[in-house]
Amino acid sequence: MASDKVEAPAPLDVATLPPGQLARRRRIIDVATRLLESTDYEQVQMRVVADRADVALGTLYRYFVSKEQLYAAVLLEWSASYAIDNSGPDDTAADRIRRRLHRALKAFERRPQFYKVQAMLQTTTDPRAELLFAEFSARNHDTLVRDLRPLTGADADDRVMILNATLSSVLTSYAYRRLPMAEALRIINRAVDLVVGDIGVE
């Protein structure tokens, strides 16, 4: 079976793309997102992404030089709604964090392949994928730190690290069918009580 990989010029700089090329990049990401909703990451072929996005394979590789980079971009785009703050004026830090982590669990419940991609990208050696995944991780970290207000600094960072480790653990168990969602939610609730319960209303 022939490889999908083709020789291509250096990838495009997203910050300098004109509207037409930004729209093409968005179309590629949308197609890759839809494919991941119905196909294991390992089975997704860049040639299929190109065909369904109506671009040449060489053009696809100008935007994303590897499948890892493409799916790091998919995760980053997909996480944009995660950063929306739906908190009310009387919510405690625990209220905000619990709501945020429940949303993450439910999002991955609908799309377990996305979590498997996230786990894979934690060990990527593709520098472009690393940069996008670092942005994805920083966005999620900063969102949780904001939810911990009025706590700031190292104390907030440490608590977010503990919460993210718990979330990662339960998502791994859920994704590989070792933990039902109800139990994952129970563990997250317990972690929030233990790690955030002493922070009051801002």
N, C-alpha and C. Protein backbone atom coordinates (compact mmCIF):
# COMPACT_ATOMS: atom_id res chain seq x y z
N MET A 1 0.85 -1.20 0.00
CA MET A 1 0.00 0.00 0.00
C MET A 1 0.88 1.24 0.00
N ALA A 2 0.65 2.16 -0.91
CA ALA A 2 1.49 3.34 -1.04
C ALA A 2 1.30 4.28 0.13
N SER A 3 2.37 4.99 0.51
CA SER A 3 2.29 5.95 1.61
C SER A 3 1.57 7.21 1.15
N ASP A 4 0.88 7.86 2.08
CA ASP A 4 0.23 9.13 1.80
C ASP A 4 1.23 10.28 1.72
N LYS A 5 2.40 10.09 2.31
CA LYS A 5 3.34 11.19 2.47
C LYS A 5 3.88 11.64 1.12
N VAL A 6 3.89 12.95 0.88
CA VAL A 6 4.44 13.50 -0.34
C VAL A 6 5.40 14.62 0.02
N GLU A 7 6.33 14.89 -0.89
CA GLU A 7 7.23 16.00 -0.67
C GLU A 7 6.45 17.30 -0.84
N ALA A 8 6.66 18.24 0.08
CA ALA A 8 5.91 19.50 0.01
C ALA A 8 6.79 20.64 0.47
N PRO A 9 6.46 21.86 0.06
CA PRO A 9 7.21 23.02 0.55
C PRO A 9 6.97 23.26 2.03
N ALA A 10 7.71 24.22 2.58
CA ALA A 10 7.57 24.53 4.00
C ALA A 10 6.12 24.89 4.31
N PRO A 11 5.64 24.55 5.53
CA PRO A 11 4.24 24.83 5.87
C PRO A 11 3.96 26.32 5.90
N LEU A 12 2.71 26.66 5.69
CA LEU A 12 2.30 28.05 5.66
C LEU A 12 2.22 28.64 7.07
N ASP A 13 2.52 29.92 7.18
CA ASP A 13 2.40 30.64 8.44
C ASP A 13 0.96 31.12 8.58
N VAL A 14 0.24 30.55 9.57
CA VAL A 14 -1.19 30.85 9.71
C VAL A 14 -1.43 32.34 9.90
N ALA A 15 -0.55 33.01 10.62
CA ALA A 15 -0.75 34.43 10.92
C ALA A 15 -0.73 35.30 9.67
N THR A 16 -0.15 34.80 8.59
CA THR A 16 -0.04 35.62 7.37
C THR A 16 -0.98 35.16 6.26
N LEU A 17 -1.83 34.19 6.53
CA LEU A 17 -2.69 33.65 5.48
C LEU A 17 -3.80 34.64 5.10
N PRO A 18 -4.04 34.81 3.81
CA PRO A 18 -5.18 35.62 3.37
C PRO A 18 -6.49 34.88 3.64
N PRO A 19 -7.63 35.57 3.56
CA PRO A 19 -8.91 34.95 3.90
C PRO A 19 -9.20 33.65 3.16
N GLY A 20 -8.89 33.57 1.89
CA GLY A 20 -9.17 32.36 1.12
C GLY A 20 -8.41 31.16 1.64
N GLN A 21 -7.16 31.37 2.00
CA GLN A 21 -6.35 30.26 2.51
C GLN A 21 -6.76 29.90 3.94
N LEU A 22 -7.16 30.90 4.72
CA LEU A 22 -7.68 30.60 6.05
C LEU A 22 -8.95 29.75 5.96
N ALA A 23 -9.80 30.07 4.99
CA ALA A 23 -11.03 29.29 4.79
C ALA A 23 -10.69 27.86 4.38
N ARG A 24 -9.68 27.69 3.52
CA ARG A 24 -9.27 26.34 3.11
C ARG A 24 -8.72 25.56 4.31
N ARG A 25 -7.92 26.24 5.13
CA ARG A 25 -7.37 25.57 6.32
C ARG A 25 -8.51 25.15 7.25
N ARG A 26 -9.47 26.02 7.42
CA ARG A 26 -10.63 25.71 8.27
C ARG A 26 -11.39 24.51 7.71
N ARG A 27 -11.54 24.44 6.38
CA ARG A 27 -12.25 23.32 5.76
C ARG A 27 -11.50 22.00 6.02
N ILE A 28 -10.19 22.04 5.92
CA ILE A 28 -9.39 20.85 6.19
C ILE A 28 -9.58 20.39 7.64
N ILE A 29 -9.55 21.32 8.58
CA ILE A 29 -9.73 20.98 10.00
C ILE A 29 -11.13 20.43 10.23
N ASP A 30 -12.13 21.03 9.61
CA ASP A 30 -13.51 20.55 9.78
C ASP A 30 -13.66 19.11 9.27
N VAL A 31 -13.07 18.83 8.11
CA VAL A 31 -13.14 17.47 7.56
C VAL A 31 -12.42 16.50 8.47
N ALA A 32 -11.23 16.87 8.94
CA ALA A 32 -10.47 15.98 9.83
C ALA A 32 -11.22 15.74 11.13
N THR A 33 -11.91 16.75 11.62
CA THR A 33 -12.72 16.60 12.83
C THR A 33 -13.84 15.60 12.62
N ARG A 34 -14.56 15.74 11.52
CA ARG A 34 -15.67 14.82 11.23
C ARG A 34 -15.18 13.39 11.04
N LEU A 35 -14.04 13.23 10.40
CA LEU A 35 -13.49 11.89 10.22
C LEU A 35 -13.17 11.24 11.56
N LEU A 36 -12.63 12.02 12.49
CA LEU A 36 -12.26 11.46 13.79
C LEU A 36 -13.49 11.06 14.59
N GLU A 37 -14.62 11.66 14.29
CA GLU A 37 -15.85 11.31 15.01
C GLU A 37 -16.35 9.92 14.63
N SER A 38 -15.91 9.42 13.49
CA SER A 38 -16.41 8.11 13.02
C SER A 38 -15.31 7.10 12.74
N THR A 39 -14.05 7.49 12.90
CA THR A 39 -12.93 6.65 12.52
C THR A 39 -11.83 6.73 13.57
N ASP A 40 -11.18 5.60 13.87
CA ASP A 40 -10.02 5.63 14.75
C ASP A 40 -8.93 6.50 14.13
N TYR A 41 -8.20 7.21 14.99
CA TYR A 41 -7.11 8.07 14.50
C TYR A 41 -6.16 7.30 13.59
N GLU A 42 -5.80 6.09 13.99
CA GLU A 42 -4.84 5.30 13.23
C GLU A 42 -5.34 4.99 11.82
N GLN A 43 -6.65 4.98 11.65
CA GLN A 43 -7.24 4.62 10.36
C GLN A 43 -7.49 5.84 9.46
N VAL A 44 -7.37 7.03 10.02
CA VAL A 44 -7.58 8.24 9.20
C VAL A 44 -6.39 8.40 8.26
N GLN A 45 -6.67 8.58 6.99
CA GLN A 45 -5.62 8.77 5.98
C GLN A 45 -5.65 10.20 5.48
N MET A 46 -4.46 10.78 5.38
CA MET A 46 -4.37 12.16 4.91
C MET A 46 -4.94 12.31 3.50
N ARG A 47 -4.81 11.29 2.68
CA ARG A 47 -5.36 11.35 1.32
C ARG A 47 -6.88 11.50 1.36
N VAL A 48 -7.53 10.82 2.31
CA VAL A 48 -8.99 10.92 2.45
C VAL A 48 -9.37 12.31 2.93
N VAL A 49 -8.61 12.85 3.89
CA VAL A 49 -8.86 14.22 4.35
C VAL A 49 -8.78 15.19 3.18
N ALA A 50 -7.74 15.05 2.36
CA ALA A 50 -7.56 15.94 1.21
C ALA A 50 -8.72 15.81 0.24
N ASP A 51 -9.11 14.58 -0.08
CA ASP A 51 -10.21 14.37 -1.03
C ASP A 51 -11.49 15.02 -0.52
N ARG A 52 -11.81 14.79 0.75
CA ARG A 52 -13.08 15.30 1.28
C ARG A 52 -13.06 16.81 1.49
N ALA A 53 -11.86 17.36 1.68
CA ALA A 53 -11.74 18.82 1.81
C ALA A 53 -11.58 19.50 0.46
N ASP A 54 -11.54 18.68 -0.61
CA ASP A 54 -11.43 19.18 -1.98
C ASP A 54 -10.14 19.99 -2.19
N VAL A 55 -9.03 19.43 -1.69
CA VAL A 55 -7.71 20.02 -1.92
C VAL A 55 -6.77 18.92 -2.39
N ALA A 56 -5.72 19.30 -3.10
CA ALA A 56 -4.70 18.34 -3.49
C ALA A 56 -3.93 17.89 -2.25
N LEU A 57 -3.42 16.66 -2.29
CA LEU A 57 -2.68 16.15 -1.14
C LEU A 57 -1.45 17.02 -0.84
N GLY A 58 -0.77 17.47 -1.89
CA GLY A 58 0.37 18.36 -1.68
C GLY A 58 -0.04 19.66 -1.01
N THR A 59 -1.22 20.18 -1.36
CA THR A 59 -1.73 21.39 -0.71
C THR A 59 -2.00 21.14 0.76
N LEU A 60 -2.60 19.99 1.07
CA LEU A 60 -2.86 19.65 2.47
C LEU A 60 -1.56 19.66 3.27
N TYR A 61 -0.50 19.09 2.69
CA TYR A 61 0.77 19.05 3.41
C TYR A 61 1.45 20.41 3.51
N ARG A 62 1.01 21.38 2.72
CA ARG A 62 1.52 22.74 2.93
C ARG A 62 0.94 23.34 4.20
N TYR A 63 -0.30 22.99 4.51
CA TYR A 63 -0.95 23.50 5.73
C TYR A 63 -0.54 22.70 6.95
N PHE A 64 -0.42 21.40 6.78
CA PHE A 64 -0.12 20.49 7.90
C PHE A 64 0.88 19.44 7.40
N VAL A 65 2.11 19.53 7.89
CA VAL A 65 3.15 18.66 7.34
C VAL A 65 3.06 17.23 7.86
N SER A 66 2.19 16.98 8.83
CA SER A 66 2.02 15.62 9.35
C SER A 66 0.59 15.46 9.87
N LYS A 67 0.18 14.23 10.01
CA LYS A 67 -1.15 13.96 10.58
C LYS A 67 -1.18 14.41 12.04
N GLU A 68 -0.07 14.29 12.76
CA GLU A 68 -0.04 14.74 14.15
C GLU A 68 -0.27 16.23 14.24
N GLN A 69 0.36 17.00 13.35
CA GLN A 69 0.14 18.44 13.37
C GLN A 69 -1.31 18.78 13.05
N LEU A 70 -1.88 18.09 12.07
CA LEU A 70 -3.29 18.32 11.72
C LEU A 70 -4.19 18.07 12.92
N TYR A 71 -3.98 16.96 13.61
CA TYR A 71 -4.89 16.64 14.71
C TYR A 71 -4.59 17.43 15.98
N ALA A 72 -3.40 17.97 16.10
CA ALA A 72 -3.15 18.94 17.17
C ALA A 72 -3.96 20.21 16.90
N ALA A 73 -4.04 20.60 15.63
CA ALA A 73 -4.87 21.76 15.27
C ALA A 73 -6.35 21.47 15.49
N VAL A 74 -6.77 20.24 15.19
CA VAL A 74 -8.17 19.85 15.43
C VAL A 74 -8.49 19.99 16.92
N LEU A 75 -7.62 19.46 17.79
CA LEU A 75 -7.87 19.56 19.22
C LEU A 75 -7.93 21.00 19.69
N LEU A 76 -7.00 21.82 19.18
CA LEU A 76 -6.97 23.23 19.59
C LEU A 76 -8.26 23.93 19.19
N GLU A 77 -8.72 23.71 17.98
CA GLU A 77 -9.97 24.33 17.53
C GLU A 77 -11.15 23.80 18.34
N TRP A 78 -11.16 22.50 18.57
CA TRP A 78 -12.26 21.86 19.28
C TRP A 78 -12.37 22.37 20.72
N SER A 79 -11.23 22.75 21.32
CA SER A 79 -11.22 23.17 22.72
C SER A 79 -11.66 24.62 22.92
N ALA A 80 -11.90 25.34 21.82
CA ALA A 80 -12.21 26.77 21.95
C ALA A 80 -13.44 27.00 22.83
N SER A 81 -14.47 26.17 22.66
CA SER A 81 -15.68 26.36 23.46
C SER A 81 -15.46 26.03 24.93
N TYR A 82 -14.42 25.24 25.22
CA TYR A 82 -14.12 24.86 26.60
C TYR A 82 -13.76 26.09 27.43
N ALA A 83 -13.20 27.12 26.80
CA ALA A 83 -12.73 28.30 27.53
C ALA A 83 -13.84 29.29 27.87
N ILE A 84 -15.04 29.07 27.37
CA ILE A 84 -16.15 30.00 27.65
C ILE A 84 -16.51 29.95 29.13
N ASP A 85 -16.66 31.10 29.74
CA ASP A 85 -16.97 31.19 31.17
C ASP A 85 -18.48 31.35 31.35
N ASN A 86 -19.12 30.31 31.88
CA ASN A 86 -20.56 30.34 32.12
C ASN A 86 -20.91 30.52 33.59
N SER A 87 -19.98 31.02 34.37
CA SER A 87 -20.21 31.11 35.81
C SER A 87 -21.11 32.28 36.17
N GLY A 88 -21.80 32.13 37.30
CA GLY A 88 -22.65 33.19 37.83
C GLY A 88 -21.94 33.93 38.95
N PRO A 89 -22.48 35.06 39.38
CA PRO A 89 -21.80 35.90 40.38
C PRO A 89 -21.64 35.22 41.74
N ASP A 90 -22.48 34.27 42.06
CA ASP A 90 -22.41 33.61 43.37
C ASP A 90 -21.71 32.25 43.33
N ASP A 91 -21.18 31.87 42.18
CA ASP A 91 -20.50 30.58 42.07
C ASP A 91 -19.19 30.59 42.84
N THR A 92 -18.93 29.50 43.53
CA THR A 92 -17.63 29.32 44.17
C THR A 92 -16.65 28.76 43.15
N ALA A 93 -15.38 28.74 43.52
CA ALA A 93 -14.37 28.12 42.66
C ALA A 93 -14.73 26.66 42.40
N ALA A 94 -15.20 25.97 43.42
CA ALA A 94 -15.59 24.56 43.26
C ALA A 94 -16.73 24.42 42.26
N ASP A 95 -17.71 25.33 42.31
CA ASP A 95 -18.81 25.31 41.33
C ASP A 95 -18.27 25.44 39.92
N ARG A 96 -17.38 26.41 39.72
CA ARG A 96 -16.85 26.68 38.38
C ARG A 96 -16.03 25.50 37.88
N ILE A 97 -15.15 24.99 38.74
CA ILE A 97 -14.27 23.88 38.33
C ILE A 97 -15.09 22.62 38.05
N ARG A 98 -16.05 22.32 38.93
CA ARG A 98 -16.86 21.12 38.73
C ARG A 98 -17.61 21.20 37.40
N ARG A 99 -18.20 22.35 37.10
CA ARG A 99 -18.93 22.51 35.85
C ARG A 99 -17.98 22.34 34.65
N ARG A 100 -16.80 22.92 34.76
CA ARG A 100 -15.82 22.84 33.67
C ARG A 100 -15.38 21.39 33.43
N LEU A 101 -15.06 20.67 34.49
CA LEU A 101 -14.59 19.30 34.33
C LEU A 101 -15.71 18.36 33.87
N HIS A 102 -16.93 18.63 34.31
CA HIS A 102 -18.06 17.84 33.81
C HIS A 102 -18.24 18.06 32.31
N ARG A 103 -18.08 19.29 31.87
CA ARG A 103 -18.18 19.57 30.43
C ARG A 103 -17.11 18.83 29.65
N ALA A 104 -15.90 18.79 30.20
CA ALA A 104 -14.82 18.06 29.52
C ALA A 104 -15.14 16.58 29.44
N LEU A 105 -15.60 16.00 30.54
CA LEU A 105 -15.94 14.58 30.54
C LEU A 105 -17.05 14.28 29.53
N LYS A 106 -18.08 15.10 29.52
CA LYS A 106 -19.19 14.87 28.61
C LYS A 106 -18.76 15.05 27.15
N ALA A 107 -17.87 16.00 26.91
CA ALA A 107 -17.38 16.20 25.54
C ALA A 107 -16.61 14.97 25.06
N PHE A 108 -15.76 14.43 25.92
CA PHE A 108 -15.01 13.24 25.54
C PHE A 108 -15.89 11.99 25.54
N GLU A 109 -16.97 12.01 26.31
CA GLU A 109 -17.90 10.88 26.25
C GLU A 109 -18.52 10.79 24.85
N ARG A 110 -18.82 11.95 24.27
CA ARG A 110 -19.40 11.96 22.92
C ARG A 110 -18.36 11.62 21.86
N ARG A 111 -17.09 11.93 22.14
CA ARG A 111 -16.04 11.74 21.14
C ARG A 111 -14.79 11.14 21.80
N PRO A 112 -14.84 9.87 22.20
CA PRO A 112 -13.69 9.27 22.90
C PRO A 112 -12.41 9.25 22.08
N GLN A 113 -12.53 9.25 20.74
CA GLN A 113 -11.31 9.25 19.92
C GLN A 113 -10.50 10.53 20.13
N PHE A 114 -11.17 11.62 20.49
CA PHE A 114 -10.46 12.87 20.71
C PHE A 114 -9.52 12.75 21.91
N TYR A 115 -9.95 12.03 22.93
CA TYR A 115 -9.06 11.87 24.08
C TYR A 115 -7.87 11.00 23.71
N LYS A 116 -8.10 9.98 22.91
CA LYS A 116 -6.98 9.12 22.49
C LYS A 116 -5.95 9.92 21.69
N VAL A 117 -6.43 10.85 20.87
CA VAL A 117 -5.51 11.74 20.14
C VAL A 117 -4.75 12.63 21.12
N GLN A 118 -5.45 13.17 22.10
CA GLN A 118 -4.80 14.00 23.10
C GLN A 118 -3.70 13.22 23.82
N ALA A 119 -3.98 11.99 24.20
CA ALA A 119 -2.98 11.17 24.89
C ALA A 119 -1.79 10.90 23.97
N MET A 120 -2.04 10.65 22.70
CA MET A 120 -0.97 10.40 21.75
C MET A 120 -0.08 11.63 21.59
N LEU A 121 -0.70 12.80 21.53
CA LEU A 121 0.06 14.03 21.30
C LEU A 121 0.94 14.41 22.49
N GLN A 122 0.68 13.86 23.64
CA GLN A 122 1.52 14.14 24.80
C GLN A 122 2.94 13.62 24.60
N THR A 123 3.13 12.68 23.68
CA THR A 123 4.47 12.12 23.44
C THR A 123 4.94 12.34 22.01
N THR A 124 4.29 13.27 21.29
CA THR A 124 4.69 13.51 19.90
C THR A 124 6.12 14.05 19.83
N THR A 125 6.82 13.71 18.77
CA THR A 125 8.15 14.27 18.52
C THR A 125 8.12 15.24 17.34
N ASP A 126 6.94 15.50 16.81
CA ASP A 126 6.77 16.45 15.72
C ASP A 126 6.77 17.85 16.32
N PRO A 127 7.77 18.69 16.02
CA PRO A 127 7.85 20.00 16.69
C PRO A 127 6.66 20.91 16.40
N ARG A 128 6.08 20.82 15.20
CA ARG A 128 4.92 21.67 14.90
C ARG A 128 3.69 21.20 15.67
N ALA A 129 3.54 19.88 15.78
CA ALA A 129 2.44 19.34 16.59
C ALA A 129 2.66 19.69 18.06
N GLU A 130 3.90 19.66 18.52
CA GLU A 130 4.21 20.01 19.91
C GLU A 130 3.77 21.43 20.21
N LEU A 131 4.04 22.36 19.29
CA LEU A 131 3.67 23.76 19.51
C LEU A 131 2.16 23.93 19.64
N LEU A 132 1.41 23.29 18.74
CA LEU A 132 -0.04 23.39 18.81
C LEU A 132 -0.59 22.71 20.05
N PHE A 133 -0.01 21.56 20.41
CA PHE A 133 -0.49 20.87 21.61
C PHE A 133 -0.15 21.66 22.87
N ALA A 134 1.01 22.34 22.86
CA ALA A 134 1.36 23.19 24.00
C ALA A 134 0.36 24.33 24.15
N GLU A 135 -0.10 24.87 23.01
CA GLU A 135 -1.12 25.93 23.06
C GLU A 135 -2.44 25.39 23.59
N PHE A 136 -2.81 24.19 23.15
CA PHE A 136 -4.02 23.52 23.65
C PHE A 136 -3.93 23.32 25.16
N SER A 137 -2.78 22.81 25.64
CA SER A 137 -2.60 22.55 27.07
C SER A 137 -2.62 23.84 27.87
N ALA A 138 -1.95 24.88 27.35
CA ALA A 138 -1.90 26.16 28.05
C ALA A 138 -3.30 26.79 28.14
N ARG A 139 -4.07 26.67 27.08
CA ARG A 139 -5.43 27.21 27.10
C ARG A 139 -6.26 26.55 28.20
N ASN A 140 -6.18 25.23 28.28
CA ASN A 140 -6.96 24.51 29.28
C ASN A 140 -6.46 24.82 30.69
N HIS A 141 -5.14 24.90 30.84
CA HIS A 141 -4.57 25.23 32.15
C HIS A 141 -5.02 26.63 32.60
N ASP A 142 -4.89 27.60 31.70
CA ASP A 142 -5.24 28.97 32.05
C ASP A 142 -6.72 29.12 32.36
N THR A 143 -7.56 28.35 31.66
CA THR A 143 -8.99 28.39 31.92
C THR A 143 -9.29 27.91 33.34
N LEU A 144 -8.66 26.81 33.75
CA LEU A 144 -8.90 26.30 35.10
C LEU A 144 -8.32 27.24 36.16
N VAL A 145 -7.17 27.83 35.90
CA VAL A 145 -6.61 28.81 36.84
C VAL A 145 -7.57 29.97 37.02
N ARG A 146 -8.16 30.44 35.92
CA ARG A 146 -9.13 31.53 36.02
C ARG A 146 -10.34 31.12 36.86
N ASP A 147 -10.75 29.87 36.72
CA ASP A 147 -11.89 29.38 37.50
C ASP A 147 -11.58 29.28 38.99
N LEU A 148 -10.29 29.22 39.34
CA LEU A 148 -9.91 29.11 40.75
C LEU A 148 -9.86 30.46 41.47
N ARG A 149 -10.18 31.53 40.75
CA ARG A 149 -10.14 32.84 41.40
C ARG A 149 -10.96 32.83 42.69
N PRO A 150 -10.52 33.49 43.74
CA PRO A 150 -9.44 34.49 43.77
C PRO A 150 -8.04 33.91 43.97
N LEU A 151 -7.89 32.60 43.97
CA LEU A 151 -6.58 32.00 44.12
C LEU A 151 -5.72 32.29 42.89
N THR A 152 -4.43 32.56 43.11
CA THR A 152 -3.52 32.83 41.99
C THR A 152 -2.17 32.19 42.27
N GLY A 153 -1.27 32.32 41.33
CA GLY A 153 0.12 31.91 41.52
C GLY A 153 0.32 30.41 41.62
N ALA A 154 1.37 30.03 42.37
CA ALA A 154 1.78 28.64 42.45
C ALA A 154 0.69 27.76 43.06
N ASP A 155 -0.05 28.29 44.02
CA ASP A 155 -1.11 27.49 44.65
C ASP A 155 -2.17 27.09 43.62
N ALA A 156 -2.57 28.05 42.78
CA ALA A 156 -3.54 27.75 41.72
C ALA A 156 -2.94 26.77 40.71
N ASP A 157 -1.70 27.00 40.31
CA ASP A 157 -1.05 26.11 39.33
C ASP A 157 -0.97 24.68 39.86
N ASP A 158 -0.61 24.52 41.13
CA ASP A 158 -0.50 23.18 41.70
C ASP A 158 -1.85 22.47 41.73
N ARG A 159 -2.88 23.19 42.08
CA ARG A 159 -4.21 22.58 42.14
C ARG A 159 -4.70 22.18 40.75
N VAL A 160 -4.41 23.02 39.76
CA VAL A 160 -4.79 22.69 38.39
C VAL A 160 -4.05 21.44 37.93
N MET A 161 -2.78 21.32 38.29
CA MET A 161 -2.02 20.13 37.91
C MET A 161 -2.64 18.87 38.50
N ILE A 162 -3.06 18.94 39.76
CA ILE A 162 -3.68 17.79 40.41
C ILE A 162 -5.02 17.45 39.73
N LEU A 163 -5.81 18.48 39.45
CA LEU A 163 -7.11 18.25 38.80
C LEU A 163 -6.93 17.67 37.40
N ASN A 164 -5.98 18.20 36.65
CA ASN A 164 -5.74 17.69 35.30
C ASN A 164 -5.24 16.25 35.33
N ALA A 165 -4.42 15.91 36.32
CA ALA A 165 -3.95 14.53 36.45
C ALA A 165 -5.12 13.59 36.74
N THR A 166 -6.04 14.04 37.59
CA THR A 166 -7.23 13.23 37.89
C THR A 166 -8.09 13.08 36.66
N LEU A 167 -8.33 14.19 35.94
CA LEU A 167 -9.13 14.14 34.73
C LEU A 167 -8.51 13.20 33.70
N SER A 168 -7.20 13.31 33.52
CA SER A 168 -6.52 12.44 32.56
C SER A 168 -6.65 10.97 32.94
N SER A 169 -6.53 10.68 34.23
CA SER A 169 -6.63 9.29 34.69
C SER A 169 -8.01 8.72 34.43
N VAL A 170 -9.06 9.47 34.77
CA VAL A 170 -10.41 8.91 34.59
C VAL A 170 -10.76 8.85 33.11
N LEU A 171 -10.27 9.80 32.30
CA LEU A 171 -10.56 9.75 30.87
C LEU A 171 -9.86 8.56 30.21
N THR A 172 -8.65 8.27 30.65
CA THR A 172 -7.95 7.10 30.11
C THR A 172 -8.73 5.84 30.42
N SER A 173 -9.16 5.71 31.66
CA SER A 173 -9.92 4.52 32.04
C SER A 173 -11.25 4.46 31.29
N TYR A 174 -11.90 5.60 31.12
CA TYR A 174 -13.17 5.61 30.39
C TYR A 174 -12.96 5.27 28.92
N ALA A 175 -11.95 5.89 28.29
CA ALA A 175 -11.72 5.69 26.86
C ALA A 175 -11.44 4.23 26.52
N TYR A 176 -10.80 3.51 27.46
CA TYR A 176 -10.48 2.11 27.22
C TYR A 176 -11.45 1.17 27.93
N ARG A 177 -12.66 1.72 28.24
CA ARG A 177 -13.78 0.94 28.76
C ARG A 177 -13.50 0.25 30.09
N ARG A 178 -12.68 0.87 30.90
CA ARG A 178 -12.42 0.31 32.22
C ARG A 178 -13.17 1.04 33.33
N LEU A 179 -13.87 2.12 32.98
CA LEU A 179 -14.55 2.94 33.98
C LEU A 179 -15.83 3.50 33.38
N PRO A 180 -16.98 3.28 34.00
CA PRO A 180 -18.22 3.88 33.48
C PRO A 180 -18.22 5.39 33.75
N MET A 181 -18.97 6.12 32.93
CA MET A 181 -19.00 7.58 33.06
C MET A 181 -19.51 8.02 34.42
N ALA A 182 -20.48 7.32 34.98
CA ALA A 182 -21.00 7.71 36.30
C ALA A 182 -19.90 7.67 37.35
N GLU A 183 -19.03 6.68 37.27
CA GLU A 183 -17.92 6.59 38.23
C GLU A 183 -16.88 7.66 37.94
N ALA A 184 -16.66 7.96 36.67
CA ALA A 184 -15.72 9.04 36.33
C ALA A 184 -16.20 10.36 36.92
N LEU A 185 -17.49 10.64 36.81
CA LEU A 185 -18.05 11.87 37.37
C LEU A 185 -17.94 11.89 38.89
N ARG A 186 -18.15 10.73 39.52
CA ARG A 186 -18.04 10.67 40.98
C ARG A 186 -16.60 10.99 41.43
N ILE A 187 -15.62 10.43 40.73
CA ILE A 187 -14.22 10.67 41.09
C ILE A 187 -13.86 12.14 40.89
N ILE A 188 -14.33 12.73 39.78
CA ILE A 188 -14.06 14.15 39.54
C ILE A 188 -14.69 15.00 40.63
N ASN A 189 -15.92 14.71 41.02
CA ASN A 189 -16.57 15.47 42.09
C ASN A 189 -15.78 15.37 43.39
N ARG A 190 -15.29 14.18 43.69
CA ARG A 190 -14.51 13.99 44.92
C ARG A 190 -13.20 14.76 44.85
N ALA A 191 -12.56 14.74 43.68
CA ALA A 191 -11.31 15.48 43.52
C ALA A 191 -11.54 16.97 43.70
N VAL A 192 -12.63 17.49 43.13
CA VAL A 192 -12.93 18.92 43.29
C VAL A 192 -13.16 19.25 44.76
N ASP A 193 -13.90 18.40 45.47
CA ASP A 193 -14.13 18.65 46.90
C ASP A 193 -12.81 18.72 47.66
N LEU A 194 -11.90 17.79 47.36
CA LEU A 194 -10.64 17.72 48.09
C LEU A 194 -9.67 18.84 47.73
N VAL A 195 -9.63 19.19 46.43
CA VAL A 195 -8.60 20.11 45.94
C VAL A 195 -9.07 21.56 45.94
N VAL A 196 -10.36 21.78 45.80
CA VAL A 196 -10.88 23.14 45.61
C VAL A 196 -11.84 23.56 46.68
N GLY A 197 -12.31 22.64 47.50
CA GLY A 197 -13.40 22.91 48.43
C GLY A 197 -13.17 24.02 49.43
N ASP A 198 -11.92 24.41 49.66
CA ASP A 198 -11.65 25.44 50.66
C ASP A 198 -11.66 26.85 50.09
N ILE A 199 -11.91 27.00 48.78
CA ILE A 199 -11.92 28.32 48.15
C ILE A 199 -13.36 28.78 48.05
N GLY A 200 -13.65 29.98 48.53
CA GLY A 200 -15.03 30.46 48.54
C GLY A 200 -15.36 31.28 47.32
N VAL A 201 -16.41 32.07 47.45
CA VAL A 201 -16.85 32.96 46.37
C VAL A 201 -15.81 34.05 46.19
N GLU A 202 -15.61 34.46 44.93
CA GLU A 202 -14.61 35.48 44.63
C GLU A 202 -14.94 36.79 45.34
